[in-house]
């Protein structure tokens, strides 16, 4: 089900952000405001997709949308503004045989997804070609499955600092 509620605006910078104080991988204490963010998880395996969506909700991203294929992700994106995407590198995609082809179409604005959407890639086998090609396509991070919760959270924190800096508040 797709909701049509606009994403919540982050609070004014003078107000403390919601959420718990978290120590980042570089040792900084900060609050990360995931309120209203919409995450699209594109993963062909039902169990893996459910696990990733559950992990995102436990971190604080309540609005997760699962897609079993690139075509399903495009259907969801046609009805919904998505803030970030987590995508498996191995997808059944009409114009190619993998998630890299799908991300290329996103980056070249051939899908309803924003061409600049932050993307996290994951795969069972993080081969060097896939990693290099993903980086060339502007993928924020490449995670090997199974993805430990702490690793996912660290990657999301780096993504938040890079793409949503107003949603990150270092502690004083």
Protein backbone atom coordinates (compact mmCIF):
# COMPACT_ATOMS: atom_id res chain seq x y z
CA UNK A 1 0.00 0.00 0.00
CA UNK A 2 1.29 3.43 -0.91
CA UNK A 3 0.55 6.43 1.27
CA UNK A 4 0.22 9.90 -0.16
CA UNK A 5 1.29 11.80 2.94
CA UNK A 6 4.07 14.29 2.16
CA UNK A 7 7.35 13.62 3.97
CA UNK A 8 7.72 15.44 7.26
CA UNK A 9 10.01 18.45 7.25
CA UNK A 10 12.90 18.21 9.70
CA UNK A 11 12.55 20.40 12.78
CA UNK A 12 14.10 23.85 12.91
CA UNK A 13 17.88 23.52 13.55
CA UNK A 14 17.59 25.27 16.94
CA UNK A 15 15.30 22.49 18.19
CA UNK A 16 16.77 19.12 19.12
CA UNK A 17 16.10 16.42 16.57
CA UNK A 18 13.98 13.43 17.56
CA UNK A 19 15.63 10.07 18.06
CA UNK A 20 18.30 8.64 20.24
CA UNK A 21 21.82 9.98 20.53
CA UNK A 22 24.07 7.64 18.53
CA UNK A 23 27.86 7.32 18.35
CA UNK A 24 28.93 7.35 14.70
CA UNK A 25 31.79 5.26 13.35
CA UNK A 26 34.12 8.26 13.64
CA UNK A 27 33.25 8.64 17.34
CA UNK A 28 30.95 11.66 17.07
CA UNK A 29 27.72 11.64 19.05
CA UNK A 30 24.79 12.75 16.91
CA UNK A 31 21.05 12.48 16.49
CA UNK A 32 19.74 11.28 13.14
CA UNK A 33 16.20 12.29 12.25
CA UNK A 34 14.65 9.60 10.06
CA UNK A 35 11.12 11.04 10.55
CA UNK A 36 9.09 10.87 7.36
CA UNK A 37 11.85 9.37 5.22
CA UNK A 38 10.62 6.82 2.71
CA UNK A 39 12.89 3.91 1.88
CA UNK A 40 12.37 1.62 -1.09
CA UNK A 41 13.89 -1.85 -0.68
CA UNK A 42 14.35 -3.67 -4.00
CA UNK A 43 15.15 -7.30 -3.23
CA UNK A 44 13.88 -10.39 -5.07
CA UNK A 45 14.07 -12.68 -2.01
CA UNK A 46 11.00 -12.22 0.23
CA UNK A 47 12.78 -13.17 3.47
CA UNK A 48 15.79 -10.94 2.80
CA UNK A 49 13.52 -8.02 1.81
CA UNK A 50 11.42 -8.44 4.97
CA UNK A 51 14.58 -8.59 7.12
CA UNK A 52 15.99 -5.41 5.58
CA UNK A 53 12.69 -3.57 6.00
CA UNK A 54 12.51 -4.72 9.63
CA UNK A 55 16.09 -3.53 10.23
CA UNK A 56 15.26 -0.13 8.73
CA UNK A 57 12.23 0.19 11.01
CA UNK A 58 14.33 -0.73 14.05
CA UNK A 59 16.79 2.04 13.12
CA UNK A 60 13.93 4.54 12.85
CA UNK A 61 12.85 4.56 9.20
CA UNK A 62 9.18 3.70 9.62
CA UNK A 63 8.11 4.14 6.01
CA UNK A 64 9.58 1.23 4.08
CA UNK A 65 8.27 -0.09 0.81
CA UNK A 66 9.34 -3.47 -0.53
CA UNK A 67 9.68 -4.31 -4.20
CA UNK A 68 10.47 -7.80 -5.51
CA UNK A 69 11.83 -6.51 -8.84
CA UNK A 70 12.92 -3.38 -10.65
CA UNK A 71 9.57 -3.30 -12.47
CA UNK A 72 7.76 -3.44 -9.11
CA UNK A 73 10.02 -0.65 -7.78
CA UNK A 74 9.10 1.50 -10.80
CA UNK A 75 5.39 0.91 -10.10
CA UNK A 76 5.83 2.01 -6.48
CA UNK A 77 7.92 5.04 -7.48
CA UNK A 78 5.23 6.15 -9.94
CA UNK A 79 2.85 6.68 -6.98
CA UNK A 80 5.27 7.73 -4.27
CA UNK A 81 8.19 10.08 -3.70
CA UNK A 82 11.00 7.91 -2.33
CA UNK A 83 13.87 9.45 -0.35
CA UNK A 84 16.37 6.60 -0.55
CA UNK A 85 16.68 3.19 -2.16
CA UNK A 86 18.32 -0.03 -1.07
CA UNK A 87 18.77 -2.35 -4.03
CA UNK A 88 20.13 -5.84 -4.60
CA UNK A 89 22.70 -6.07 -7.36
CA UNK A 90 21.02 -9.22 -8.75
CA UNK A 91 17.63 -8.29 -10.18
CA UNK A 92 15.60 -9.50 -13.09
CA UNK A 93 15.42 -6.31 -15.13
CA UNK A 94 14.02 -6.06 -18.68
CA UNK A 95 16.76 -3.87 -20.15
CA UNK A 96 19.58 -5.79 -18.48
CA UNK A 97 20.27 -8.68 -16.22
CA UNK A 98 21.05 -6.98 -12.95
CA UNK A 99 20.53 -4.14 -10.50
CA UNK A 100 23.35 -2.20 -12.13
CA UNK A 101 21.23 -1.78 -15.29
CA UNK A 102 18.32 -0.61 -13.16
CA UNK A 103 20.49 1.94 -11.32
CA UNK A 104 21.89 3.16 -14.64
CA UNK A 105 18.31 3.83 -15.81
CA UNK A 106 17.60 5.66 -12.54
CA UNK A 107 20.72 7.81 -12.94
CA UNK A 108 19.88 8.57 -16.57
CA UNK A 109 16.34 9.65 -15.55
CA UNK A 110 14.53 6.82 -17.35
CA UNK A 111 12.42 5.86 -14.30
CA UNK A 112 10.02 7.77 -12.01
CA UNK A 113 12.69 7.69 -9.29
CA UNK A 114 14.68 10.88 -8.73
CA UNK A 115 17.93 10.53 -10.68
CA UNK A 116 19.89 11.77 -7.64
CA UNK A 117 18.26 9.44 -5.11
CA UNK A 118 20.76 8.08 -2.56
CA UNK A 119 21.25 4.36 -3.18
CA UNK A 120 22.69 1.58 -1.05
CA UNK A 121 23.55 -1.58 -2.97
CA UNK A 122 23.81 -5.04 -1.48
CA UNK A 123 24.78 -8.43 -2.82
CA UNK A 124 25.61 -11.93 -1.69
CA UNK A 125 28.93 -11.67 -3.53
CA UNK A 126 30.56 -8.26 -3.52
CA UNK A 127 32.68 -8.78 -6.64
CA UNK A 128 35.17 -6.06 -7.48
CA UNK A 129 33.57 -5.27 -10.88
CA UNK A 130 30.15 -4.74 -9.28
CA UNK A 131 31.62 -2.50 -6.57
CA UNK A 132 33.56 -0.40 -9.09
CA UNK A 133 30.59 -0.11 -11.43
CA UNK A 134 28.25 0.78 -8.53
CA UNK A 135 30.61 3.55 -7.40
CA UNK A 136 30.78 4.85 -10.99
CA UNK A 137 26.97 5.05 -10.98
CA UNK A 138 27.00 7.09 -7.78
CA UNK A 139 25.84 4.38 -5.41
CA UNK A 140 26.43 5.61 -1.88
CA UNK A 141 27.59 2.29 -0.42
CA UNK A 142 27.91 -1.39 -1.30
CA UNK A 143 27.02 -3.86 1.46
CA UNK A 144 27.67 -7.62 1.43
CA UNK A 145 24.74 -9.83 2.49
CA UNK A 146 23.80 -10.79 5.03
CA UNK A 147 24.02 -7.18 6.20
CA UNK A 148 24.65 -6.86 9.96
CA UNK A 149 22.38 -4.24 11.58
CA UNK A 150 25.36 -2.21 12.84
CA UNK A 151 26.87 -2.07 9.33
CA UNK A 152 23.53 -0.98 7.84
CA UNK A 153 23.15 1.69 10.52
CA UNK A 154 26.69 3.01 9.92
CA UNK A 155 26.07 3.18 6.19
CA UNK A 156 22.78 5.03 6.75
CA UNK A 157 24.51 7.50 9.07
CA UNK A 158 27.10 8.31 6.38
CA UNK A 159 24.29 8.62 3.83
CA UNK A 160 22.35 10.97 6.13
CA UNK A 161 25.39 13.21 6.65
CA UNK A 162 26.03 13.34 2.89
CA UNK A 163 22.48 13.70 1.57
CA UNK A 164 20.34 14.97 4.45
CA UNK A 165 22.64 17.18 6.57
CA UNK A 166 19.73 19.10 8.11
CA UNK A 167 18.55 15.79 9.60
CA UNK A 168 21.82 15.27 11.50
CA UNK A 169 22.55 17.10 14.71
CA UNK A 170 25.91 16.59 16.46
CA UNK A 171 25.65 16.69 20.23
CA UNK A 172 26.93 19.80 21.95
